[in-house]
C-alpha atoms as a PDB file:
ATOM      1  CA  MET A   1      -7.053 -16.407 -12.846  1.00  0.00           C
ATOM      2  CA  ALA A   2      -5.664 -17.459 -10.338  1.00  0.00           C
ATOM      3  CA  GLU A   3      -7.782 -19.943  -7.953  1.00  0.00           C
ATOM      4  CA  GLU A   4      -9.002 -18.589  -4.930  1.00  0.00           C
ATOM      5  CA  ARG A   5      -7.254 -19.624  -1.696  1.00  0.00           C
ATOM      6  CA  GLN A   6      -9.435 -21.540   1.143  1.00  0.00           C
ATOM      7  CA  PHE A   7      -8.827 -21.769   4.001  1.00  0.00           C
ATOM      8  CA  GLY A   8      -8.511 -25.234   5.551  1.00  0.00           C
ATOM      9  CA  PRO A   9      -8.837 -26.781   8.499  1.00  0.00           C
ATOM     10  CA  ILE A  10      -8.053 -25.153  11.528  1.00  0.00           C
ATOM     11  CA  ALA A  11      -7.511 -27.185  15.240  1.00  0.00           C
ATOM     12  CA  GLY A  12     -10.487 -26.566  17.144  1.00  0.00           C
ATOM     13  CA  ALA A  13     -12.682 -24.531  14.737  1.00  0.00           C
ATOM     14  CA  VAL A  14     -16.223 -24.294  14.661  1.00  0.00           C
ATOM     15  CA  PRO A  15     -17.725 -26.769  12.715  1.00  0.00           C
ATOM     16  CA  GLY A  16     -19.253 -25.274   9.241  1.00  0.00           C
ATOM     17  CA  TYR A  17     -17.678 -21.881  10.372  1.00  0.00           C
ATOM     18  CA  ASN A  18     -16.129 -19.982   6.956  1.00  0.00           C
ATOM     19  CA  LEU A  19     -13.020 -18.419   7.986  1.00  0.00           C
ATOM     20  CA  THR A  20     -13.350 -16.622   4.492  1.00  0.00           C
ATOM     21  CA  ALA A  21     -16.570 -15.092   4.885  1.00  0.00           C
ATOM     22  CA  ALA A  22     -16.098 -14.261   8.187  1.00  0.00           C
ATOM     23  CA  PHE A  23     -12.829 -12.348   6.956  1.00  0.00           C
ATOM     24  CA  GLN A  24     -15.003 -10.431   4.299  1.00  0.00           C
ATOM     25  CA  THR A  25     -17.293  -9.655   6.575  1.00  0.00           C
ATOM     26  CA  THR A  26     -14.877  -7.948   9.026  1.00  0.00           C
ATOM     27  CA  PHE A  27     -12.778  -6.192   6.494  1.00  0.00           C
ATOM     28  CA  PRO A  28     -14.913  -5.893   3.739  1.00  0.00           C
ATOM     29  CA  LEU A  29     -12.514  -3.320   1.927  1.00  0.00           C
ATOM     30  CA  LEU A  30      -9.682  -5.700   2.611  1.00  0.00           C
ATOM     31  CA  ALA A  31     -11.645  -8.277   1.011  1.00  0.00           C
ATOM     32  CA  SER A  32     -12.566  -6.226  -1.981  1.00  0.00           C
ATOM     33  CA  SER A  33      -9.290  -5.042  -2.745  1.00  0.00           C
ATOM     34  CA  ARG A  34      -8.247  -8.835  -2.553  1.00  0.00           C
ATOM     35  CA  THR A  35     -10.650  -9.653  -5.363  1.00  0.00           C
ATOM     36  CA  ARG A  36      -9.639  -6.446  -7.634  1.00  0.00           C
ATOM     37  CA  GLN A  37      -6.127  -7.724  -7.546  1.00  0.00           C
ATOM     38  CA  ARG A  38      -7.441 -11.049  -8.945  1.00  0.00           C
ATOM     39  CA  ARG A  39      -8.999  -9.192 -11.562  1.00  0.00           C
ATOM     40  CA  SER A  40      -6.335  -6.448 -12.082  1.00  0.00           C
ATOM     41  CA  PRO A  41      -2.587  -6.506 -11.699  1.00  0.00           C
ATOM     42  CA  ALA A  42      -2.394  -3.019 -11.885  1.00  0.00           C
ATOM     43  CA  MET A  43      -2.981  -2.339  -8.289  1.00  0.00           C
ATOM     44  CA  PRO A  44      -0.810   0.176  -6.607  1.00  0.00           C
ATOM     45  CA  ILE A  45       1.867  -0.280  -4.575  1.00  0.00           C
ATOM     46  CA  ALA A  46       3.402   1.617  -1.800  1.00  0.00           C
ATOM     47  CA  ARG A  47       7.211   2.080  -0.853  1.00  0.00           C
ATOM     48  CA  LEU A  48       9.274   3.614   1.449  1.00  0.00           C
ATOM     49  CA  ALA A  49       9.631   7.446   0.926  1.00  0.00           C
ATOM     50  CA  ARG A  50      13.068   8.974  -0.100  1.00  0.00           C
ATOM     51  CA  ALA A  51      14.987  12.371  -0.297  1.00  0.00           C
ATOM     52  CA  SER A  52      14.062  12.447  -3.844  1.00  0.00           C
ATOM     53  CA  ASP A  53      10.421  12.822  -3.134  1.00  0.00           C
ATOM     54  CA  LEU A  54       9.835  15.845  -1.446  1.00  0.00           C
ATOM     55  CA  SER A  55       9.161  18.086  -4.466  1.00  0.00           C
ATOM     56  CA  SER A  56       6.173  15.773  -5.530  1.00  0.00           C
ATOM     57  CA  LEU A  57       4.795  15.384  -1.812  1.00  0.00           C
ATOM     58  CA  LEU A  58       4.973  19.221  -1.300  1.00  0.00           C
ATOM     59  CA  ALA A  59       2.954  19.251  -4.805  1.00  0.00           C
ATOM     60  CA  LEU A  60       0.557  16.691  -3.615  1.00  0.00           C
ATOM     61  CA  PHE A  61       0.101  18.480  -0.088  1.00  0.00           C
ATOM     62  CA  ASP A  62      -0.524  21.818  -2.007  1.00  0.00           C
ATOM     63  CA  VAL A  63      -3.040  19.908  -4.279  1.00  0.00           C
ATOM     64  CA  SER A  64      -4.833  18.730  -1.592  1.00  0.00           C
ATOM     65  CA  GLU A  65      -7.178  19.904   1.587  1.00  0.00           C
ATOM     66  CA  VAL A  66      -4.485  19.776   4.107  1.00  0.00           C
ATOM     67  CA  SER A  67      -3.144  22.375   6.247  1.00  0.00           C
ATOM     68  CA  ALA A  68      -0.331  24.529   5.106  1.00  0.00           C
ATOM     69  CA  ILE A  69       3.468  23.303   4.392  1.00  0.00           C
ATOM     70  CA  ALA A  70       6.053  24.317   5.488  1.00  0.00           C
ATOM     71  CA  GLN A  71       7.733  27.492   4.158  1.00  0.00           C
ATOM     72  CA  PRO A  72      10.288  28.512   2.893  1.00  0.00           C
ATOM     73  CA  ARG A  73      11.693  25.872   0.882  1.00  0.00           C
ATOM     74  CA  GLU A  74      14.859  25.809   3.213  1.00  0.00           C
ATOM     75  CA  ARG A  75      12.728  24.713   6.010  1.00  0.00           C
ATOM     76  CA  ALA A  76      10.606  22.296   4.273  1.00  0.00           C
ATOM     77  CA  GLU A  77      14.186  20.298   3.227  1.00  0.00           C
ATOM     78  CA  SER A  78      15.144  20.330   6.788  1.00  0.00           C
ATOM     79  CA  ILE A  79      12.477  19.023   8.365  1.00  0.00           C
ATOM     80  CA  TRP A  80      12.164  16.201   5.391  1.00  0.00           C
ATOM     81  CA  GLN A  81      15.655  15.299   6.234  1.00  0.00           C
ATOM     82  CA  GLU A  82      14.729  15.013  10.084  1.00  0.00           C
ATOM     83  CA  THR A  83      11.884  12.632   9.090  1.00  0.00           C
ATOM     84  CA  LEU A  84      13.684  10.755   6.866  1.00  0.00           C
ATOM     85  CA  THR A  85      16.446   9.792   9.666  1.00  0.00           C
ATOM     86  CA  HIS A  86      14.199   9.988  12.455  1.00  0.00           C
ATOM     87  CA  PRO A  87      14.377   6.782  14.406  1.00  0.00           C
ATOM     88  CA  GLY A  88      10.512   4.915  14.264  1.00  0.00           C
ATOM     89  CA  VAL A  89       9.427   7.641  11.451  1.00  0.00           C
ATOM     90  CA  HIS A  90       8.224   6.010   8.360  1.00  0.00           C
ATOM     91  CA  VAL A  91       6.379   7.579   5.242  1.00  0.00           C
ATOM     92  CA  PHE A  92       4.680   5.397   2.665  1.00  0.00           C
ATOM     93  CA  VAL A  93       4.145   6.621  -0.610  1.00  0.00           C
ATOM     94  CA  SER A  94       2.087   5.522  -3.516  1.00  0.00           C
ATOM     95  CA  GLU A  95       3.119   6.477  -7.093  1.00  0.00           C
ATOM     96  CA  ASP A  96       0.879   7.076 -10.390  1.00  0.00           C
ATOM     97  CA  ARG A  97       3.427   8.205 -13.061  1.00  0.00           C
ATOM     98  CA  ASP A  98       5.511  10.866 -12.291  1.00  0.00           C
ATOM     99  CA  ARG A  99       3.970  11.596  -8.948  1.00  0.00           C
ATOM    100  CA  ILE A 100       3.007  11.114  -5.869  1.00  0.00           C
ATOM    101  CA  ALA A 101      -0.534   9.827  -5.648  1.00  0.00           C
ATOM    102  CA  ALA A 102      -0.827   9.091  -1.842  1.00  0.00           C
ATOM    103  CA  THR A 103       1.130   8.871   1.543  1.00  0.00           C
ATOM    104  CA  CYS A 104       0.841   8.635   4.910  1.00  0.00           C
ATOM    105  CA  MET A 105       3.563   8.602   8.237  1.00  0.00           C
ATOM    106  CA  LEU A 106       3.167   6.062  10.598  1.00  0.00           C
ATOM    107  CA  VAL A 107       5.143   6.865  13.759  1.00  0.00           C
ATOM    108  CA  VAL A 108       5.931   3.893  15.933  1.00  0.00           C
ATOM    109  CA  ALA A 109       7.161   4.739  20.201  1.00  0.00           C
ATOM    110  CA  PRO A 110       8.703   2.075  22.529  1.00  0.00           C
ATOM    111  CA  ASN A 111       6.097   1.177  25.884  1.00  0.00           C
ATOM    112  CA  LEU A 112       6.674  -0.358  28.982  1.00  0.00           C
ATOM    113  CA  LEU A 113       2.862  -1.160  29.096  1.00  0.00           C
ATOM    114  CA  ARG A 114       1.500  -3.750  26.915  1.00  0.00           C
ATOM    115  CA  SER A 115       3.916  -6.026  27.565  1.00  0.00           C
ATOM    116  CA  GLY A 116       6.608  -3.763  26.472  1.00  0.00           C
ATOM    117  CA  ARG A 117       4.776  -3.856  22.492  1.00  0.00           C
ATOM    118  CA  ARG A 118       4.752  -0.456  20.837  1.00  0.00           C
ATOM    119  CA  HIS A 119       2.790   1.984  19.894  1.00  0.00           C
ATOM    120  CA  GLY A 120       1.725   2.942  16.293  1.00  0.00           C
ATOM    121  CA  PHE A 121       0.438   5.949  15.047  1.00  0.00           C
ATOM    122  CA  LEU A 122      -1.122   7.021  12.040  1.00  0.00           C
ATOM    123  CA  GLU A 123      -0.801  10.387  10.341  1.00  0.00           C
ATOM    124  CA  ASN A 124      -0.695  13.050   7.307  1.00  0.00           C
ATOM    125  CA  VAL A 125      -2.866  10.578   5.265  1.00  0.00           C
ATOM    126  CA  VAL A 126      -3.307  12.127   2.176  1.00  0.00           C
ATOM    127  CA  THR A 127      -4.638  10.991  -1.596  1.00  0.00           C
ATOM    128  CA  HIS A 128      -4.164  13.373  -4.482  1.00  0.00           C
ATOM    129  CA  PRO A 129      -7.885  14.674  -5.301  1.00  0.00           C
ATOM    130  CA  GLU A 130      -7.422  13.677  -8.542  1.00  0.00           C
ATOM    131  CA  LEU A 131      -6.453   9.864  -7.730  1.00  0.00           C
ATOM    132  CA  ARG A 132      -8.967   9.203  -5.024  1.00  0.00           C
ATOM    133  CA  GLY A 133     -11.000   5.619  -5.315  1.00  0.00           C
ATOM    134  CA  GLN A 134      -8.285   4.162  -7.114  1.00  0.00           C
ATOM    135  CA  GLY A 135      -6.497   2.283  -4.552  1.00  0.00           C
ATOM    136  CA  HIS A 136      -3.727   4.305  -3.513  1.00  0.00           C
ATOM    137  CA  GLY A 137      -4.303   5.902   0.000  1.00  0.00           C
ATOM    138  CA  LYS A 138      -5.772   2.014   0.804  1.00  0.00           C
ATOM    139  CA  ALA A 139      -1.653   0.980  -0.492  1.00  0.00           C
ATOM    140  CA  VAL A 140      -0.207   3.290   1.592  1.00  0.00           C
ATOM    141  CA  VAL A 141      -2.183   2.875   4.682  1.00  0.00           C
ATOM    142  CA  LEU A 142      -2.011  -1.208   4.094  1.00  0.00           C
ATOM    143  CA  ALA A 143       1.683  -0.740   4.268  1.00  0.00           C
ATOM    144  CA  ALA A 144       1.848   1.400   7.115  1.00  0.00           C
ATOM    145  CA  LEU A 145      -0.137  -1.237   8.864  1.00  0.00           C
ATOM    146  CA  ARG A 146       1.638  -4.133   7.633  1.00  0.00           C
ATOM    147  CA  HIS A 147       5.010  -2.514   8.857  1.00  0.00           C
ATOM    148  CA  ALA A 148       3.534  -1.455  12.327  1.00  0.00           C
ATOM    149  CA  TRP A 149       2.730  -5.361  12.844  1.00  0.00           C
ATOM    150  CA  ALA A 150       5.861  -6.315  11.803  1.00  0.00           C
ATOM    151  CA  ALA A 151       7.627  -3.615  14.499  1.00  0.00           C
ATOM    152  CA  ASP A 152       5.343  -5.209  17.323  1.00  0.00           C
ATOM    153  CA  CYS A 153       2.619  -2.880  18.031  1.00  0.00           C
ATOM    154  CA  HIS A 154      -0.076  -3.555  20.057  1.00  0.00           C
ATOM    155  CA  HIS A 155      -1.796  -1.058  17.992  1.00  0.00           C
ATOM    156  CA  VAL A 156      -2.073   1.587  15.471  1.00  0.00           C
ATOM    157  CA  LEU A 157      -4.256   4.765  16.578  1.00  0.00           C
ATOM    158  CA  MET A 158      -5.777   7.542  14.511  1.00  0.00           C
ATOM    159  CA  GLN A 159      -7.265  10.117  14.020  1.00  0.00           C
ATOM    160  CA  SER A 160      -9.453  11.715  11.554  1.00  0.00           C
ATOM    161  CA  GLY A 161     -10.729  15.554  11.596  1.00  0.00           C
ATOM    162  CA  ARG A 162     -12.626  15.151   8.157  1.00  0.00           C
ATOM    163  CA  ALA A 163     -16.870  15.391   8.740  1.00  0.00           C
ATOM    164  CA  ASP A 164     -16.969  13.288   5.225  1.00  0.00           C
ATOM    165  CA  PRO A 165     -18.216   9.869   6.092  1.00  0.00           C
ATOM    166  CA  ARG A 166     -16.613   8.488   3.156  1.00  0.00           C
ATOM    167  CA  GLY A 167     -13.256   8.738   4.811  1.00  0.00           C
ATOM    168  CA  HIS A 168     -14.496   7.269   8.307  1.00  0.00           C
ATOM    169  CA  ALA A 169     -16.220   4.574   5.782  1.00  0.00           C
ATOM    170  CA  PHE A 170     -12.273   4.261   4.512  1.00  0.00           C
ATOM    171  CA  TYR A 171     -10.533   3.468   7.689  1.00  0.00           C
ATOM    172  CA  GLU A 172     -13.291   1.087   9.322  1.00  0.00           C
ATOM    173  CA  GLY A 173     -12.644  -0.853   6.033  1.00  0.00           C
ATOM    174  CA  LEU A 174      -9.471  -1.122   6.374  1.00  0.00           C
ATOM    175  CA  GLY A 175      -9.852  -2.574  10.347  1.00  0.00           C
ATOM    176  CA  PHE A 176      -9.725   0.540  12.344  1.00  0.00           C
ATOM    177  CA  LYS A 177     -12.467   0.783  14.703  1.00  0.00           C
ATOM    178  CA  PRO A 178     -14.348   3.931  15.935  1.00  0.00           C
ATOM    179  CA  GLY A 179     -15.422   4.824  19.230  1.00  0.00           C
ATOM    180  CA  LEU A 180     -12.604   2.604  21.265  1.00  0.00           C
ATOM    181  CA  ARG A 181     -11.080   5.781  22.796  1.00  0.00           C
ATOM    182  CA  VAL A 182     -12.313   9.299  23.150  1.00  0.00           C
ATOM    183  CA  ALA A 183      -9.328  11.407  21.621  1.00  0.00           C
ATOM    184  CA  TYR A 184      -8.615  14.714  22.975  1.00  0.00           C
ATOM    185  CA  VAL A 185      -6.116  17.626  21.318  1.00  0.00           C
ATOM    186  CA  ALA A 186      -4.325  20.011  22.869  1.00  0.00           C
ATOM    187  CA  VAL A 187      -3.470  23.202  20.559  1.00  0.00           C
ATOM    188  CA  ARG A 188      -0.255  24.845  20.590  1.00  0.00           C
ATOM    189  CA  PRO A 189      -0.932  28.538  22.892  1.00  0.00           C
ATOM    190  CA  THR A 190      -0.400  31.288  20.038  1.00  0.00           C
ATOM    191  CA  PRO A 191       3.057  32.950  21.029  1.00  0.00           C
ATOM    192  CA  PRO A 192       2.404  37.040  21.731  1.00  0.00           C
ATOM    193  CA  GLY A 193       2.844  38.838  18.489  1.00  0.00           C
ATOM    194  CA  GLU A 194       2.142  35.796  16.349  1.00  0.00           C
END
């Protein structure tokens, strides 16, 4: 087992301040993830989605409690190609054998404010119901956050329409803070005849 890496002295640090303990207190799910990674080398790995992932993604969406998928198949294929080639749009996936276990989409947008640092928007976070609690959702969200920070995002915004407190605890454990902003949603008006 690898020896746990301890943080050394930091210039100007407060004497007796334990940076490792502070990290574990501030980001408990990240800290527990690091502990589990030392114990189990089989933690899920996230990667950027490929064109060939469409069927598996549609199957994931079909068994999850998310909104209706794009129909017919030709329309879904067209949207998927647009998604993969659209600047600033990144879809992350984690696999379990021959299927996609979890996914999320990161949209990175330029910004003239915040000293020119970009905005990140996290959307479509979905984990297969049979594979929840195995680290797949965590893997894709952490991959999206790493990508956002590397792209010089000031922050990553996300909204959850779920009432289940476990979902909120999941996001908070990954560093998302509730209540910093108020979210508003404008819903597309229903055209006449629909």
